[in-house]
């Protein structure tokens, strides 16, 4: 029997009053394929919940994608506090 590798997945939900602004800041990055071994989806649930979902072929690709997008979300949120 030939077993296909199971994808690795992580989902984060951020509750913040800046969810829409952070989503708009991330949107251009979501259209670029950074790594062919991972897929990233970012959505809004209501006005104040940002959902980040990452699926990757392996744990290294998952970690790399998470590091990048979690950093982008953190920076975008911090910038809202400065504006």
N, C-alpha and C. Protein backbone atom coordinates (compact mmCIF):
# COMPACT_ATOMS: atom_id res chain seq x y z
N UNK A 1 0.84 -1.17 0.00
CA UNK A 1 0.00 0.00 0.00
C UNK A 1 0.90 1.25 0.00
N UNK A 2 0.62 2.20 -0.90
CA UNK A 2 1.38 3.43 -1.01
C UNK A 2 0.68 4.54 -0.22
N UNK A 3 1.31 4.98 0.84
CA UNK A 3 0.72 6.01 1.70
C UNK A 3 1.24 7.38 1.29
N UNK A 4 0.34 8.32 1.10
CA UNK A 4 0.72 9.69 0.81
C UNK A 4 1.04 10.40 2.12
N UNK A 5 2.00 11.31 2.12
CA UNK A 5 2.31 12.03 3.36
C UNK A 5 1.14 12.91 3.79
N UNK A 6 0.91 12.94 5.07
CA UNK A 6 -0.15 13.79 5.61
C UNK A 6 0.33 15.23 5.66
N UNK A 7 -0.49 16.15 5.20
CA UNK A 7 -0.09 17.55 5.31
C UNK A 7 -0.10 18.01 6.76
N UNK A 8 0.70 18.98 7.03
CA UNK A 8 0.76 19.58 8.37
C UNK A 8 -0.04 20.88 8.31
N UNK A 9 -0.82 21.14 9.36
CA UNK A 9 -1.71 22.30 9.34
C UNK A 9 -1.69 23.02 10.68
N UNK A 10 -1.77 24.34 10.60
CA UNK A 10 -1.90 25.17 11.80
C UNK A 10 -2.94 26.25 11.52
N UNK A 11 -3.78 26.50 12.50
CA UNK A 11 -4.80 27.54 12.37
C UNK A 11 -4.72 28.44 13.61
N UNK A 12 -4.66 29.73 13.38
CA UNK A 12 -4.63 30.73 14.45
C UNK A 12 -5.80 31.67 14.28
N UNK A 13 -6.45 32.01 15.38
CA UNK A 13 -7.52 33.00 15.38
C UNK A 13 -7.10 34.13 16.31
N UNK A 14 -7.06 35.33 15.73
CA UNK A 14 -6.66 36.52 16.49
C UNK A 14 -7.88 37.40 16.67
N UNK A 15 -8.24 37.68 17.91
CA UNK A 15 -9.33 38.59 18.20
C UNK A 15 -8.72 39.95 18.47
N UNK A 16 -9.03 40.90 17.60
CA UNK A 16 -8.47 42.25 17.72
C UNK A 16 -9.39 43.24 17.01
N UNK A 17 -9.45 44.43 17.54
CA UNK A 17 -10.24 45.48 16.90
C UNK A 17 -9.63 45.88 15.57
N UNK A 18 -8.37 45.50 15.32
CA UNK A 18 -7.68 45.85 14.08
C UNK A 18 -7.72 44.74 13.04
N UNK A 19 -8.60 43.76 13.18
CA UNK A 19 -8.62 42.60 12.28
C UNK A 19 -8.73 43.01 10.81
N UNK A 20 -9.65 43.90 10.49
CA UNK A 20 -9.83 44.31 9.09
C UNK A 20 -8.59 45.02 8.54
N UNK A 21 -8.00 45.89 9.33
CA UNK A 21 -6.81 46.61 8.88
C UNK A 21 -5.63 45.67 8.68
N UNK A 22 -5.46 44.72 9.58
CA UNK A 22 -4.37 43.75 9.45
C UNK A 22 -4.60 42.88 8.21
N UNK A 23 -5.85 42.47 7.99
CA UNK A 23 -6.17 41.67 6.81
C UNK A 23 -5.81 42.43 5.53
N UNK A 24 -6.18 43.70 5.47
CA UNK A 24 -5.86 44.50 4.28
C UNK A 24 -4.35 44.66 4.11
N UNK A 25 -3.63 44.75 5.20
CA UNK A 25 -2.17 44.86 5.12
C UNK A 25 -1.54 43.56 4.62
N UNK A 26 -2.11 42.42 4.99
CA UNK A 26 -1.57 41.12 4.58
C UNK A 26 -1.98 40.71 3.18
N UNK A 27 -3.07 41.25 2.68
CA UNK A 27 -3.65 40.80 1.42
C UNK A 27 -2.65 40.72 0.26
N UNK A 28 -1.81 41.73 0.03
CA UNK A 28 -0.84 41.63 -1.09
C UNK A 28 0.13 40.45 -0.93
N UNK A 29 0.49 40.14 0.30
CA UNK A 29 1.42 39.02 0.54
C UNK A 29 0.77 37.68 0.24
N UNK A 30 -0.53 37.59 0.42
CA UNK A 30 -1.23 36.32 0.24
C UNK A 30 -1.29 35.89 -1.23
N UNK A 31 -1.19 36.85 -2.14
CA UNK A 31 -1.26 36.51 -3.56
C UNK A 31 0.08 36.01 -4.10
N UNK A 32 1.17 36.25 -3.40
CA UNK A 32 2.49 35.79 -3.82
C UNK A 32 2.75 34.40 -3.28
N UNK A 33 3.25 33.51 -4.16
CA UNK A 33 3.62 32.18 -3.70
C UNK A 33 5.04 32.25 -3.18
N UNK A 34 5.18 32.22 -1.87
CA UNK A 34 6.50 32.32 -1.25
C UNK A 34 7.22 30.98 -1.28
N UNK A 35 6.50 29.93 -0.96
CA UNK A 35 7.08 28.60 -0.91
C UNK A 35 6.09 27.62 -1.53
N UNK A 36 6.50 26.88 -2.55
CA UNK A 36 5.55 25.94 -3.18
C UNK A 36 5.16 24.78 -2.27
N UNK A 37 5.84 24.61 -1.15
CA UNK A 37 5.52 23.52 -0.22
C UNK A 37 4.49 23.90 0.82
N UNK A 38 4.01 25.15 0.79
CA UNK A 38 3.00 25.57 1.77
C UNK A 38 1.96 26.46 1.13
N UNK A 39 0.77 26.45 1.72
CA UNK A 39 -0.33 27.31 1.29
C UNK A 39 -0.84 28.07 2.51
N UNK A 40 -1.09 29.36 2.30
CA UNK A 40 -1.54 30.21 3.40
C UNK A 40 -2.87 30.84 3.02
N UNK A 41 -3.79 30.84 3.97
CA UNK A 41 -5.09 31.47 3.78
C UNK A 41 -5.36 32.36 4.99
N UNK A 42 -5.84 33.54 4.71
CA UNK A 42 -6.18 34.47 5.77
C UNK A 42 -7.60 34.97 5.50
N UNK A 43 -8.45 34.88 6.51
CA UNK A 43 -9.84 35.31 6.37
C UNK A 43 -10.28 36.10 7.59
N UNK A 44 -11.42 36.72 7.45
CA UNK A 44 -12.03 37.45 8.57
C UNK A 44 -13.28 36.72 9.02
N UNK A 45 -13.47 36.65 10.32
CA UNK A 45 -14.72 36.14 10.90
C UNK A 45 -15.33 37.32 11.66
N UNK A 46 -16.31 37.91 11.07
CA UNK A 46 -16.91 39.09 11.68
C UNK A 46 -15.98 40.28 11.56
N UNK A 47 -16.15 41.23 12.46
CA UNK A 47 -15.35 42.46 12.41
C UNK A 47 -14.06 42.38 13.20
N UNK A 48 -13.94 41.40 14.09
CA UNK A 48 -12.81 41.45 15.01
C UNK A 48 -12.01 40.15 15.14
N UNK A 49 -12.19 39.20 14.20
CA UNK A 49 -11.42 37.96 14.25
C UNK A 49 -10.71 37.73 12.92
N UNK A 50 -9.41 37.64 12.99
CA UNK A 50 -8.57 37.33 11.84
C UNK A 50 -8.14 35.88 11.96
N UNK A 51 -8.34 35.09 10.91
CA UNK A 51 -8.00 33.67 10.93
C UNK A 51 -6.87 33.42 9.95
N UNK A 52 -5.79 32.86 10.44
CA UNK A 52 -4.63 32.49 9.63
C UNK A 52 -4.57 30.97 9.60
N UNK A 53 -4.58 30.40 8.39
CA UNK A 53 -4.51 28.95 8.22
C UNK A 53 -3.34 28.64 7.30
N UNK A 54 -2.47 27.74 7.75
CA UNK A 54 -1.29 27.36 6.97
C UNK A 54 -1.27 25.84 6.84
N UNK A 55 -1.12 25.36 5.60
CA UNK A 55 -0.99 23.94 5.32
C UNK A 55 0.33 23.76 4.59
N UNK A 56 1.10 22.77 5.02
CA UNK A 56 2.42 22.54 4.41
C UNK A 56 2.69 21.05 4.26
N UNK A 57 3.59 20.75 3.33
CA UNK A 57 3.98 19.36 3.08
C UNK A 57 4.79 18.77 4.21
N UNK A 58 5.57 19.61 4.89
CA UNK A 58 6.45 19.12 5.96
C UNK A 58 6.56 20.17 7.05
N UNK A 59 7.12 19.77 8.17
CA UNK A 59 7.19 20.68 9.32
C UNK A 59 8.11 21.87 9.07
N UNK A 60 9.15 21.68 8.27
CA UNK A 60 10.05 22.81 7.98
C UNK A 60 9.33 23.89 7.19
N UNK A 61 8.56 23.49 6.21
CA UNK A 61 7.80 24.46 5.41
C UNK A 61 6.73 25.12 6.26
N UNK A 62 6.09 24.35 7.15
CA UNK A 62 5.08 24.92 8.04
C UNK A 62 5.71 25.96 8.96
N UNK A 63 6.84 25.64 9.55
CA UNK A 63 7.52 26.57 10.44
C UNK A 63 7.93 27.85 9.72
N UNK A 64 8.47 27.71 8.51
CA UNK A 64 8.90 28.89 7.75
C UNK A 64 7.72 29.81 7.43
N UNK A 65 6.61 29.22 6.98
CA UNK A 65 5.44 30.03 6.65
C UNK A 65 4.86 30.69 7.90
N UNK A 66 4.78 29.94 9.00
CA UNK A 66 4.27 30.51 10.23
C UNK A 66 5.14 31.65 10.73
N UNK A 67 6.45 31.45 10.69
CA UNK A 67 7.35 32.52 11.13
C UNK A 67 7.10 33.80 10.34
N UNK A 68 6.97 33.67 9.04
CA UNK A 68 6.79 34.84 8.19
C UNK A 68 5.45 35.53 8.47
N UNK A 69 4.36 34.78 8.45
CA UNK A 69 3.04 35.40 8.58
C UNK A 69 2.74 35.85 10.00
N UNK A 70 3.21 35.13 11.00
CA UNK A 70 3.01 35.60 12.37
C UNK A 70 3.78 36.89 12.62
N UNK A 71 4.96 36.99 12.03
CA UNK A 71 5.74 38.25 12.14
C UNK A 71 5.01 39.39 11.44
N UNK A 72 4.47 39.13 10.23
CA UNK A 72 3.75 40.18 9.50
C UNK A 72 2.52 40.64 10.27
N UNK A 73 1.80 39.71 10.87
CA UNK A 73 0.62 40.07 11.66
C UNK A 73 1.03 40.89 12.88
N UNK A 74 2.10 40.49 13.53
CA UNK A 74 2.58 41.22 14.70
C UNK A 74 2.97 42.65 14.33
N UNK A 75 3.71 42.81 13.26
CA UNK A 75 4.15 44.15 12.84
C UNK A 75 2.94 45.00 12.44
N UNK A 76 2.03 44.42 11.68
CA UNK A 76 0.83 45.18 11.25
C UNK A 76 0.02 45.63 12.46
N UNK A 77 -0.10 44.77 13.46
CA UNK A 77 -0.85 45.13 14.68
C UNK A 77 -0.12 46.22 15.44
N UNK A 78 1.20 46.11 15.58
CA UNK A 78 1.97 47.13 16.29
C UNK A 78 1.88 48.49 15.58
N UNK A 79 1.85 48.49 14.26
CA UNK A 79 1.77 49.73 13.51
C UNK A 79 0.43 50.43 13.74
N UNK A 80 -0.62 49.66 13.97
CA UNK A 80 -1.93 50.26 14.24
C UNK A 80 -1.90 51.05 15.55
N UNK A 81 -1.11 50.58 16.50
CA UNK A 81 -1.01 51.28 17.78
C UNK A 81 -0.24 52.59 17.65
N UNK A 82 0.64 52.66 16.64
CA UNK A 82 1.43 53.88 16.44
C UNK A 82 0.70 54.94 15.65
N UNK A 83 -0.26 54.53 14.84
CA UNK A 83 -0.96 55.48 13.97
C UNK A 83 -1.99 56.26 14.73
